[in-house]
């Protein structure tokens, strides 16, 4: 793909240790090369932070602090996003395949 616009993916999570790993794997296993991945945690008290730290080498930015709910967390992510395209992947969400973003970008150009 000649032009590879930046795609920002934002995951918001709170006490999502049961679901977050699959979401992160789904994002980092995409075969599209130009992804910015932001994870916003609402101050989890379970193992969520451990999961984020395990993958921080492939997460562009992450933050963990109390927020005023899911929309506040989404707005925090939006304020950090640099992408030409934006996608929210909440904890527990997964892409249908490792080609999902690439397929979308091919069709959108």
PDB file of N, CA and C in Angstrom:
ATOM      1  N   UNK A   1       0.847  -1.166   0.000  1.00  0.00           N
ATOM      2  CA  UNK A   1       0.000   0.000   0.000  1.00  0.00           C
ATOM      3  C   UNK A   1       0.896   1.234   0.000  1.00  0.00           C
ATOM      4  N   UNK A   2       0.765   2.089  -1.011  1.00  0.00           N
ATOM      5  CA  UNK A   2       1.627   3.257  -1.149  1.00  0.00           C
ATOM      6  C   UNK A   2       1.406   4.256  -0.024  1.00  0.00           C
ATOM      7  N   UNK A   3       0.193   4.695   0.149  1.00  0.00           N
ATOM      8  CA  UNK A   3      -0.144   5.676   1.172  1.00  0.00           C
ATOM      9  C   UNK A   3      -0.698   4.939   2.379  1.00  0.00           C
ATOM     10  N   UNK A   4       0.003   5.046   3.495  1.00  0.00           N
ATOM     11  CA  UNK A   4      -0.467   4.352   4.689  1.00  0.00           C
ATOM     12  C   UNK A   4      -0.832   5.373   5.759  1.00  0.00           C
ATOM     13  N   UNK A   5      -2.065   5.871   5.720  1.00  0.00           N
ATOM     14  CA  UNK A   5      -2.496   6.821   6.742  1.00  0.00           C
ATOM     15  C   UNK A   5      -2.372   6.213   8.137  1.00  0.00           C
ATOM     16  N   UNK A   6      -2.136   7.079   9.103  1.00  0.00           N
ATOM     17  CA  UNK A   6      -2.058   6.639  10.488  1.00  0.00           C
ATOM     18  C   UNK A   6      -3.451   6.304  10.998  1.00  0.00           C
ATOM     19  N   UNK A   7      -3.589   5.121  11.562  1.00  0.00           N
ATOM     20  CA  UNK A   7      -4.833   4.688  12.183  1.00  0.00           C
ATOM     21  C   UNK A   7      -4.612   4.644  13.691  1.00  0.00           C
ATOM     22  N   UNK A   8      -5.396   5.415  14.421  1.00  0.00           N
ATOM     23  CA  UNK A   8      -5.325   5.401  15.875  1.00  0.00           C
ATOM     24  C   UNK A   8      -6.403   4.475  16.406  1.00  0.00           C
ATOM     25  N   UNK A   9      -5.998   3.559  17.264  1.00  0.00           N
ATOM     26  CA  UNK A   9      -6.938   2.676  17.942  1.00  0.00           C
ATOM     27  C   UNK A   9      -6.871   3.008  19.421  1.00  0.00           C
ATOM     28  N   UNK A  10      -8.032   3.262  20.007  1.00  0.00           N
ATOM     29  CA  UNK A  10      -8.118   3.607  21.427  1.00  0.00           C
ATOM     30  C   UNK A  10      -8.890   2.510  22.145  1.00  0.00           C
ATOM     31  N   UNK A  11      -8.277   1.973  23.186  1.00  0.00           N
ATOM     32  CA  UNK A  11      -8.957   1.005  24.049  1.00  0.00           C
ATOM     33  C   UNK A  11      -9.162   1.659  25.402  1.00  0.00           C
ATOM     34  N   UNK A  12     -10.422   1.711  25.834  1.00  0.00           N
ATOM     35  CA  UNK A  12     -10.731   2.177  27.186  1.00  0.00           C
ATOM     36  C   UNK A  12     -11.102   0.951  28.007  1.00  0.00           C
ATOM     37  N   UNK A  13     -10.637   0.955  29.242  1.00  0.00           N
ATOM     38  CA  UNK A  13     -10.803  -0.243  30.074  1.00  0.00           C
ATOM     39  C   UNK A  13     -10.884   0.147  31.543  1.00  0.00           C
ATOM     40  N   UNK A  14     -11.636  -0.630  32.297  1.00  0.00           N
ATOM     41  CA  UNK A  14     -11.659  -0.509  33.746  1.00  0.00           C
ATOM     42  C   UNK A  14     -11.894  -1.901  34.310  1.00  0.00           C
ATOM     43  N   UNK A  15     -10.939  -2.386  35.084  1.00  0.00           N
ATOM     44  CA  UNK A  15     -11.011  -3.738  35.648  1.00  0.00           C
ATOM     45  C   UNK A  15     -11.381  -4.771  34.580  1.00  0.00           C
ATOM     46  N   UNK A  16     -10.621  -4.753  33.499  1.00  0.00           N
ATOM     47  CA  UNK A  16     -10.919  -5.616  32.362  1.00  0.00           C
ATOM     48  C   UNK A  16      -9.926  -6.745  32.162  1.00  0.00           C
ATOM     49  N   UNK A  17      -9.325  -7.235  33.235  1.00  0.00           N
ATOM     50  CA  UNK A  17      -8.287  -8.260  33.090  1.00  0.00           C
ATOM     51  C   UNK A  17      -8.774  -9.497  32.347  1.00  0.00           C
ATOM     52  N   UNK A  18     -10.045  -9.821  32.418  1.00  0.00           N
ATOM     53  CA  UNK A  18     -10.565 -11.017  31.746  1.00  0.00           C
ATOM     54  C   UNK A  18     -10.636 -10.843  30.238  1.00  0.00           C
ATOM     55  N   UNK A  19     -10.678  -9.603  29.770  1.00  0.00           N
ATOM     56  CA  UNK A  19     -10.937  -9.338  28.350  1.00  0.00           C
ATOM     57  C   UNK A  19      -9.818  -8.589  27.634  1.00  0.00           C
ATOM     58  N   UNK A  20      -8.998  -7.877  28.364  1.00  0.00           N
ATOM     59  CA  UNK A  20      -8.049  -6.959  27.740  1.00  0.00           C
ATOM     60  C   UNK A  20      -6.994  -7.646  26.891  1.00  0.00           C
ATOM     61  N   UNK A  21      -6.473  -8.762  27.342  1.00  0.00           N
ATOM     62  CA  UNK A  21      -5.412  -9.461  26.599  1.00  0.00           C
ATOM     63  C   UNK A  21      -5.849  -9.770  25.159  1.00  0.00           C
ATOM     64  N   UNK A  22      -7.060 -10.283  24.992  1.00  0.00           N
ATOM     65  CA  UNK A  22      -7.549 -10.615  23.646  1.00  0.00           C
ATOM     66  C   UNK A  22      -7.691  -9.375  22.778  1.00  0.00           C
ATOM     67  N   UNK A  23      -8.114  -8.281  23.386  1.00  0.00           N
ATOM     68  CA  UNK A  23      -8.237  -7.037  22.625  1.00  0.00           C
ATOM     69  C   UNK A  23      -6.874  -6.544  22.179  1.00  0.00           C
ATOM     70  N   UNK A  24      -5.923  -6.508  23.083  1.00  0.00           N
ATOM     71  CA  UNK A  24      -4.569  -6.067  22.725  1.00  0.00           C
ATOM     72  C   UNK A  24      -3.996  -6.963  21.636  1.00  0.00           C
ATOM     73  N   UNK A  25      -4.121  -8.261  21.777  1.00  0.00           N
ATOM     74  CA  UNK A  25      -3.614  -9.184  20.757  1.00  0.00           C
ATOM     75  C   UNK A  25      -4.267  -8.922  19.404  1.00  0.00           C
ATOM     76  N   UNK A  26      -5.558  -8.665  19.413  1.00  0.00           N
ATOM     77  CA  UNK A  26      -6.271  -8.391  18.173  1.00  0.00           C
ATOM     78  C   UNK A  26      -5.730  -7.147  17.481  1.00  0.00           C
ATOM     79  N   UNK A  27      -5.374  -6.131  18.260  1.00  0.00           N
ATOM     80  CA  UNK A  27      -4.837  -4.896  17.694  1.00  0.00           C
ATOM     81  C   UNK A  27      -3.410  -5.101  17.210  1.00  0.00           C
ATOM     82  N   UNK A  28      -2.560  -5.663  18.048  1.00  0.00           N
ATOM     83  CA  UNK A  28      -1.143  -5.748  17.675  1.00  0.00           C
ATOM     84  C   UNK A  28      -0.870  -6.797  16.599  1.00  0.00           C
ATOM     85  N   UNK A  29      -1.811  -7.678  16.360  1.00  0.00           N
ATOM     86  CA  UNK A  29      -1.643  -8.675  15.301  1.00  0.00           C
ATOM     87  C   UNK A  29      -2.198  -8.225  13.954  1.00  0.00           C
ATOM     88  N   UNK A  30      -2.621  -6.984  13.854  1.00  0.00           N
ATOM     89  CA  UNK A  30      -3.066  -6.471  12.562  1.00  0.00           C
ATOM     90  C   UNK A  30      -1.872  -6.371  11.620  1.00  0.00           C
ATOM     91  N   UNK A  31      -2.102  -6.665  10.350  1.00  0.00           N
ATOM     92  CA  UNK A  31      -0.985  -6.612   9.404  1.00  0.00           C
ATOM     93  C   UNK A  31      -0.838  -5.234   8.752  1.00  0.00           C
ATOM     94  N   UNK A  32      -1.599  -4.278   9.182  1.00  0.00           N
ATOM     95  CA  UNK A  32      -1.454  -2.896   8.728  1.00  0.00           C
ATOM     96  C   UNK A  32      -0.294  -2.268   9.497  1.00  0.00           C
ATOM     97  N   UNK A  33       0.561  -1.544   8.803  1.00  0.00           N
ATOM     98  CA  UNK A  33       1.830  -1.127   9.404  1.00  0.00           C
ATOM     99  C   UNK A  33       1.807   0.200  10.146  1.00  0.00           C
ATOM    100  N   UNK A  34       0.788   1.011   9.987  1.00  0.00           N
ATOM    101  CA  UNK A  34       0.839   2.364  10.544  1.00  0.00           C
ATOM    102  C   UNK A  34      -0.278   2.559  11.577  1.00  0.00           C
ATOM    103  N   UNK A  35      -0.086   1.968  12.748  1.00  0.00           N
ATOM    104  CA  UNK A  35      -1.081   2.012  13.818  1.00  0.00           C
ATOM    105  C   UNK A  35      -0.497   2.706  15.047  1.00  0.00           C
ATOM    106  N   UNK A  36      -1.274   3.602  15.589  1.00  0.00           N
ATOM    107  CA  UNK A  36      -0.988   4.210  16.888  1.00  0.00           C
ATOM    108  C   UNK A  36      -1.993   3.580  17.855  1.00  0.00           C
ATOM    109  N   UNK A  37      -1.501   2.988  18.929  1.00  0.00           N
ATOM    110  CA  UNK A  37      -2.387   2.292  19.868  1.00  0.00           C
ATOM    111  C   UNK A  37      -2.340   2.978  21.228  1.00  0.00           C
ATOM    112  N   UNK A  38      -3.495   3.452  21.670  1.00  0.00           N
ATOM    113  CA  UNK A  38      -3.631   4.170  22.937  1.00  0.00           C
ATOM    114  C   UNK A  38      -4.543   3.361  23.853  1.00  0.00           C
ATOM    115  N   UNK A  39      -4.117   3.165  25.096  1.00  0.00           N
ATOM    116  CA  UNK A  39      -4.933   2.461  26.085  1.00  0.00           C
ATOM    117  C   UNK A  39      -5.159   3.407  27.263  1.00  0.00           C
ATOM    118  N   UNK A  40      -6.434   3.618  27.576  1.00  0.00           N
ATOM    119  CA  UNK A  40      -6.818   4.468  28.696  1.00  0.00           C
ATOM    120  C   UNK A  40      -7.529   3.598  29.722  1.00  0.00           C
ATOM    121  N   UNK A  41      -6.906   3.495  30.891  1.00  0.00           N
ATOM    122  CA  UNK A  41      -7.461   2.704  31.992  1.00  0.00           C
ATOM    123  C   UNK A  41      -8.022   3.642  33.051  1.00  0.00           C
ATOM    124  N   UNK A  42      -9.157   3.288  33.595  1.00  0.00           N
ATOM    125  CA  UNK A  42      -9.825   4.132  34.580  1.00  0.00           C
ATOM    126  C   UNK A  42      -9.384   3.926  36.010  1.00  0.00           C
ATOM    127  N   UNK A  43      -8.170   3.458  36.218  1.00  0.00           N
ATOM    128  CA  UNK A  43      -7.673   3.235  37.576  1.00  0.00           C
ATOM    129  C   UNK A  43      -8.042   1.866  38.109  1.00  0.00           C
ATOM    130  N   UNK A  44      -7.865   0.866  37.306  1.00  0.00           N
ATOM    131  CA  UNK A  44      -8.250  -0.500  37.662  1.00  0.00           C
ATOM    132  C   UNK A  44      -7.565  -0.994  38.929  1.00  0.00           C
ATOM    133  N   UNK A  45      -8.271  -1.869  39.638  1.00  0.00           N
ATOM    134  CA  UNK A  45      -7.712  -2.470  40.856  1.00  0.00           C
ATOM    135  C   UNK A  45      -7.438  -3.961  40.679  1.00  0.00           C
ATOM    136  N   UNK A  46      -7.667  -4.480  39.475  1.00  0.00           N
ATOM    137  CA  UNK A  46      -7.359  -5.885  39.194  1.00  0.00           C
ATOM    138  C   UNK A  46      -6.004  -5.960  38.467  1.00  0.00           C
ATOM    139  N   UNK A  47      -5.774  -6.943  37.658  1.00  0.00           N
ATOM    140  CA  UNK A  47      -4.486  -7.141  36.975  1.00  0.00           C
ATOM    141  C   UNK A  47      -4.389  -6.409  35.626  1.00  0.00           C
ATOM    142  N   UNK A  48      -5.309  -5.517  35.367  1.00  0.00           N
ATOM    143  CA  UNK A  48      -5.322  -4.794  34.093  1.00  0.00           C
ATOM    144  C   UNK A  48      -3.993  -4.100  33.813  1.00  0.00           C
ATOM    145  N   UNK A  49      -3.443  -3.406  34.795  1.00  0.00           N
ATOM    146  CA  UNK A  49      -2.187  -2.678  34.598  1.00  0.00           C
ATOM    147  C   UNK A  49      -1.051  -3.637  34.258  1.00  0.00           C
ATOM    148  N   UNK A  50      -1.026  -4.798  34.880  1.00  0.00           N
ATOM    149  CA  UNK A  50       0.014  -5.796  34.557  1.00  0.00           C
ATOM    150  C   UNK A  50      -0.068  -6.204  33.096  1.00  0.00           C
ATOM    151  N   UNK A  51      -1.279  -6.366  32.591  1.00  0.00           N
ATOM    152  CA  UNK A  51      -1.470  -6.757  31.185  1.00  0.00           C
ATOM    153  C   UNK A  51      -0.998  -5.631  30.273  1.00  0.00           C
ATOM    154  N   UNK A  52      -1.338  -4.404  30.605  1.00  0.00           N
ATOM    155  CA  UNK A  52      -0.888  -3.264  29.803  1.00  0.00           C
ATOM    156  C   UNK A  52       0.641  -3.194  29.801  1.00  0.00           C
ATOM    157  N   UNK A  53       1.251  -3.302  30.973  1.00  0.00           N
ATOM    158  CA  UNK A  53       2.716  -3.228  31.064  1.00  0.00           C
ATOM    159  C   UNK A  53       3.388  -4.355  30.291  1.00  0.00           C
ATOM    160  N   UNK A  54       2.777  -5.508  30.256  1.00  0.00           N
ATOM    161  CA  UNK A  54       3.312  -6.645  29.498  1.00  0.00           C
ATOM    162  C   UNK A  54       3.446  -6.296  28.015  1.00  0.00           C
ATOM    163  N   UNK A  55       2.578  -5.406  27.533  1.00  0.00           N
ATOM    164  CA  UNK A  55       2.552  -5.060  26.106  1.00  0.00           C
ATOM    165  C   UNK A  55       2.962  -3.618  25.828  1.00  0.00           C
ATOM    166  N   UNK A  56       3.550  -2.946  26.806  1.00  0.00           N
ATOM    167  CA  UNK A  56       3.807  -1.526  26.605  1.00  0.00           C
ATOM    168  C   UNK A  56       4.814  -1.239  25.489  1.00  0.00           C
ATOM    169  N   UNK A  57       5.570  -2.232  25.061  1.00  0.00           N
ATOM    170  CA  UNK A  57       6.491  -2.013  23.940  1.00  0.00           C
ATOM    171  C   UNK A  57       5.754  -1.868  22.607  1.00  0.00           C
ATOM    172  N   UNK A  58       4.491  -2.301  22.535  1.00  0.00           N
ATOM    173  CA  UNK A  58       3.709  -2.163  21.305  1.00  0.00           C
ATOM    174  C   UNK A  58       2.513  -1.231  21.482  1.00  0.00           C
ATOM    175  N   UNK A  59       2.383  -0.643  22.650  1.00  0.00           N
ATOM    176  CA  UNK A  59       1.347   0.352  22.910  1.00  0.00           C
ATOM    177  C   UNK A  59       2.005   1.720  22.790  1.00  0.00           C
ATOM    178  N   UNK A  60       1.434   2.581  21.968  1.00  0.00           N
ATOM    179  CA  UNK A  60       2.033   3.901  21.736  1.00  0.00           C
ATOM    180  C   UNK A  60       1.971   4.776  22.968  1.00  0.00           C
ATOM    181  N   UNK A  61       0.849   4.719  23.682  1.00  0.00           N
ATOM    182  CA  UNK A  61       0.670   5.512  24.890  1.00  0.00           C
ATOM    183  C   UNK A  61      -0.368   4.837  25.761  1.00  0.00           C
ATOM    184  N   UNK A  62      -0.137   4.841  27.067  1.00  0.00           N
ATOM    185  CA  UNK A  62      -1.164   4.357  27.985  1.00  0.00           C
ATOM    186  C   UNK A  62      -1.151   5.196  29.242  1.00  0.00           C
ATOM    187  N   UNK A  63      -2.309   5.229  29.873  1.00  0.00           N
ATOM    188  CA  UNK A  63      -2.474   6.009  31.090  1.00  0.00           C
ATOM    189  C   UNK A  63      -3.460   5.276  31.977  1.00  0.00           C
ATOM    190  N   UNK A  64      -3.213   5.325  33.281  1.00  0.00           N
ATOM    191  CA  UNK A  64      -4.142   4.748  34.243  1.00  0.00           C
ATOM    192  C   UNK A  64      -4.405   5.779  35.334  1.00  0.00           C
ATOM    193  N   UNK A  65      -5.645   6.219  35.392  1.00  0.00           N
ATOM    194  CA  UNK A  65      -6.065   7.164  36.421  1.00  0.00           C
ATOM    195  C   UNK A  65      -7.580   7.141  36.494  1.00  0.00           C
ATOM    196  N   UNK A  66      -8.110   7.550  37.621  1.00  0.00           N
ATOM    197  CA  UNK A  66      -9.556   7.605  37.750  1.00  0.00           C
ATOM    198  C   UNK A  66     -10.113   8.579  36.732  1.00  0.00           C
ATOM    199  N   UNK A  67     -11.301   8.256  36.243  1.00  0.00           N
ATOM    200  CA  UNK A  67     -11.971   9.143  35.311  1.00  0.00           C
ATOM    201  C   UNK A  67     -13.445   9.243  35.708  1.00  0.00           C
ATOM    202  N   UNK A  68     -14.183   9.980  34.930  1.00  0.00           N
ATOM    203  CA  UNK A  68     -15.604  10.195  35.210  1.00  0.00           C
ATOM    204  C   UNK A  68     -16.484   9.255  34.395  1.00  0.00           C
ATOM    205  N   UNK A  69     -15.931   8.131  33.954  1.00  0.00           N
ATOM    206  CA  UNK A  69     -16.715   7.158  33.191  1.00  0.00           C
ATOM    207  C   UNK A  69     -16.174   6.942  31.795  1.00  0.00           C
ATOM    208  N   UNK A  70     -16.853   6.085  31.063  1.00  0.00           N
ATOM    209  CA  UNK A  70     -16.362   5.644  29.754  1.00  0.00           C
ATOM    210  C   UNK A  70     -16.189   6.798  28.768  1.00  0.00           C
ATOM    211  N   UNK A  71     -17.097   7.773  28.779  1.00  0.00           N
ATOM    212  CA  UNK A  71     -16.979   8.867  27.813  1.00  0.00           C
ATOM    213  C   UNK A  71     -15.829   9.804  28.171  1.00  0.00           C
ATOM    214  N   UNK A  72     -15.566   9.965  29.436  1.00  0.00           N
ATOM    215  CA  UNK A  72     -14.400  10.735  29.861  1.00  0.00           C
ATOM    216  C   UNK A  72     -13.129  10.037  29.396  1.00  0.00           C
ATOM    217  N   UNK A  73     -13.078   8.723  29.571  1.00  0.00           N
ATOM    218  CA  UNK A  73     -11.917   7.950  29.119  1.00  0.00           C
ATOM    219  C   UNK A  73     -11.754   8.051  27.602  1.00  0.00           C
ATOM    220  N   UNK A  74     -12.858   7.964  26.863  1.00  0.00           N
ATOM    221  CA  UNK A  74     -12.792   8.089  25.403  1.00  0.00           C
ATOM    222  C   UNK A  74     -12.265   9.469  25.005  1.00  0.00           C
ATOM    223  N   UNK A  75     -12.737  10.503  25.685  1.00  0.00           N
ATOM    224  CA  UNK A  75     -12.269  11.853  25.377  1.00  0.00           C
ATOM    225  C   UNK A  75     -10.790  12.023  25.693  1.00  0.00           C
ATOM    226  N   UNK A  76     -10.306  11.381  26.751  1.00  0.00           N
ATOM    227  CA  UNK A  76      -8.870  11.414  27.043  1.00  0.00           C
ATOM    228  C   UNK A  76      -8.094  10.795  25.883  1.00  0.00           C
ATOM    229  N   UNK A  77      -8.567   9.661  25.401  1.00  0.00           N
ATOM    230  CA  UNK A  77      -7.918   9.016  24.267  1.00  0.00           C
ATOM    231  C   UNK A  77      -7.953   9.881  23.024  1.00  0.00           C
ATOM    232  N   UNK A  78      -9.103  10.493  22.759  1.00  0.00           N
ATOM    233  CA  UNK A  78      -9.228  11.374  21.593  1.00  0.00           C
ATOM    234  C   UNK A  78      -8.247  12.535  21.654  1.00  0.00           C
ATOM    235  N   UNK A  79      -8.037  13.077  22.839  1.00  0.00           N
ATOM    236  CA  UNK A  79      -7.133  14.224  22.969  1.00  0.00           C
ATOM    237  C   UNK A  79      -5.684  13.854  22.675  1.00  0.00           C
ATOM    238  N   UNK A  80      -5.364  12.569  22.738  1.00  0.00           N
ATOM    239  CA  UNK A  80      -3.999  12.097  22.480  1.00  0.00           C
ATOM    240  C   UNK A  80      -3.815  11.569  21.058  1.00  0.00           C
ATOM    241  N   UNK A  81      -4.905  11.349  20.355  1.00  0.00           N
ATOM    242  CA  UNK A  81      -4.861  10.694  19.045  1.00  0.00           C
ATOM    243  C   UNK A  81      -4.256  11.595  17.974  1.00  0.00           C
ATOM    244  N   UNK A  82      -3.435  10.981  17.138  1.00  0.00           N
ATOM    245  CA  UNK A  82      -2.802  11.676  16.020  1.00  0.00           C
ATOM    246  C   UNK A  82      -3.227  11.121  14.665  1.00  0.00           C
ATOM    247  N   UNK A  83      -4.060  10.109  14.661  1.00  0.00           N
ATOM    248  CA  UNK A  83      -4.377   9.390  13.436  1.00  0.00           C
ATOM    249  C   UNK A  83      -5.244  10.139  12.449  1.00  0.00           C
ATOM    250  N   UNK A  84      -5.136   9.692  11.198  1.00  0.00           N
ATOM    251  CA  UNK A  84      -6.021  10.157  10.139  1.00  0.00           C
ATOM    252  C   UNK A  84      -7.370   9.452  10.256  1.00  0.00           C
ATOM    253  N   UNK A  85      -7.345   8.258  10.813  1.00  0.00           N
ATOM    254  CA  UNK A  85      -8.529   7.447  11.074  1.00  0.00           C
ATOM    255  C   UNK A  85      -8.502   7.048  12.542  1.00  0.00           C
ATOM    256  N   UNK A  86      -9.684   6.818  13.095  1.00  0.00           N
ATOM    257  CA  UNK A  86      -9.804   6.509  14.513  1.00  0.00           C
ATOM    258  C   UNK A  86     -10.767   5.351  14.723  1.00  0.00           C
ATOM    259  N   UNK A  87     -10.396   4.463  15.647  1.00  0.00           N
ATOM    260  CA  UNK A  87     -11.256   3.328  15.984  1.00  0.00           C
ATOM    261  C   UNK A  87     -11.202   3.093  17.485  1.00  0.00           C
ATOM    262  N   UNK A  88     -12.355   2.887  18.087  1.00  0.00           N
ATOM    263  CA  UNK A  88     -12.419   2.511  19.494  1.00  0.00           C
ATOM    264  C   UNK A  88     -12.577   1.005  19.591  1.00  0.00           C
ATOM    265  N   UNK A  89     -11.707   0.386  20.377  1.00  0.00           N
ATOM    266  CA  UNK A  89     -11.779  -1.050  20.664  1.00  0.00           C
ATOM    267  C   UNK A  89     -11.818  -1.188  22.181  1.00  0.00           C
ATOM    268  N   UNK A  90     -13.006  -1.311  22.737  1.00  0.00           N
ATOM    269  CA  UNK A  90     -13.125  -1.462  24.183  1.00  0.00           C
ATOM    270  C   UNK A  90     -12.597  -2.819  24.606  1.00  0.00           C
ATOM    271  N   UNK A  91     -12.245  -2.946  25.872  1.00  0.00           N
ATOM    272  CA  UNK A  91     -11.788  -4.236  26.381  1.00  0.00           C
ATOM    273  C   UNK A  91     -12.859  -5.283  26.100  1.00  0.00           C
ATOM    274  N   UNK A  92     -12.456  -6.342  25.453  1.00  0.00           N
ATOM    275  CA  UNK A  92     -13.385  -7.391  25.053  1.00  0.00           C
ATOM    276  C   UNK A  92     -13.683  -7.378  23.564  1.00  0.00           C
ATOM    277  N   UNK A  93     -13.450  -6.245  22.893  1.00  0.00           N
ATOM    278  CA  UNK A  93     -13.643  -6.162  21.445  1.00  0.00           C
ATOM    279  C   UNK A  93     -12.470  -6.829  20.733  1.00  0.00           C
ATOM    280  N   UNK A  94     -12.746  -7.362  19.554  1.00  0.00           N
ATOM    281  CA  UNK A  94     -11.700  -7.956  18.726  1.00  0.00           C
ATOM    282  C   UNK A  94     -12.007  -7.701  17.259  1.00  0.00           C
ATOM    283  N   UNK A  95     -10.963  -7.570  16.451  1.00  0.00           N
ATOM    284  CA  UNK A  95     -11.147  -7.487  15.012  1.00  0.00           C
ATOM    285  C   UNK A  95     -11.517  -8.860  14.468  1.00  0.00           C
ATOM    286  N   UNK A  96     -12.227  -8.874  13.363  1.00  0.00           N
ATOM    287  CA  UNK A  96     -12.664 -10.133  12.760  1.00  0.00           C
ATOM    288  C   UNK A  96     -11.481 -10.946  12.238  1.00  0.00           C
ATOM    289  N   UNK A  97     -10.448 -10.262  11.772  1.00  0.00           N
ATOM    290  CA  UNK A  97      -9.257 -10.967  11.284  1.00  0.00           C
ATOM    291  C   UNK A  97      -8.044 -10.051  11.436  1.00  0.00           C
ATOM    292  N   UNK A  98      -6.860 -10.601  11.178  1.00  0.00           N
ATOM    293  CA  UNK A  98      -5.632  -9.808  11.264  1.00  0.00           C
ATOM    294  C   UNK A  98      -5.495  -8.845  10.083  1.00  0.00           C
ATOM    295  N   UNK A  99      -6.409  -8.953   9.123  1.00  0.00           N
ATOM    296  CA  UNK A  99      -6.398  -8.086   7.945  1.00  0.00           C
ATOM    297  C   UNK A  99      -7.488  -7.016   7.990  1.00  0.00           C
ATOM    298  N   UNK A 100      -8.204  -6.903   9.083  1.00  0.00           N
ATOM    299  CA  UNK A 100      -9.364  -6.005   9.146  1.00  0.00           C
ATOM    300  C   UNK A 100      -9.022  -4.556   8.805  1.00  0.00           C
ATOM    301  N   UNK A 101      -7.988  -4.014   9.418  1.00  0.00           N
ATOM    302  CA  UNK A 101      -7.646  -2.612   9.153  1.00  0.00           C
ATOM    303  C   UNK A 101      -7.123  -2.453   7.730  1.00  0.00           C
ATOM    304  N   UNK A 102      -6.244  -3.332   7.303  1.00  0.00           N
ATOM    305  CA  UNK A 102      -5.703  -3.249   5.940  1.00  0.00           C
ATOM    306  C   UNK A 102      -6.820  -3.342   4.906  1.00  0.00           C
ATOM    307  N   UNK A 103      -7.753  -4.243   5.110  1.00  0.00           N
ATOM    308  CA  UNK A 103      -8.870  -4.379   4.170  1.00  0.00           C
ATOM    309  C   UNK A 103      -9.703  -3.093   4.130  1.00  0.00           C
ATOM    310  N   UNK A 104      -9.982  -2.531   5.299  1.00  0.00           N
ATOM    311  CA  UNK A 104     -10.738  -1.288   5.347  1.00  0.00           C
ATOM    312  C   UNK A 104      -9.988  -0.167   4.627  1.00  0.00           C
ATOM    313  N   UNK A 105      -8.715  -0.044   4.899  1.00  0.00           N
ATOM    314  CA  UNK A 105      -7.931   1.033   4.305  1.00  0.00           C
ATOM    315  C   UNK A 105      -7.833   0.901   2.785  1.00  0.00           C
ATOM    316  N   UNK A 106      -7.754  -0.312   2.287  1.00  0.00           N
ATOM    317  CA  UNK A 106      -7.742  -0.527   0.837  1.00  0.00           C
ATOM    318  C   UNK A 106      -9.040  -0.044   0.208  1.00  0.00           C
ATOM    319  N   UNK A 107     -10.142  -0.335   0.871  1.00  0.00           N
ATOM    320  CA  UNK A 107     -11.457   0.057   0.335  1.00  0.00           C
ATOM    321  C   UNK A 107     -11.738   1.538   0.478  1.00  0.00           C
ATOM    322  N   UNK A 108     -11.099   2.177   1.446  1.00  0.00           N
ATOM    323  CA  UNK A 108     -11.389   3.582   1.707  1.00  0.00           C
ATOM    324  C   UNK A 108     -10.548   4.541   0.873  1.00  0.00           C
ATOM    325  N   UNK A 109      -9.526   4.029   0.221  1.00  0.00           N
ATOM    326  CA  UNK A 109      -8.649   4.924  -0.545  1.00  0.00           C
ATOM    327  C   UNK A 109      -9.156   5.178  -1.946  1.00  0.00           C
TER     328      UNK A 109
END
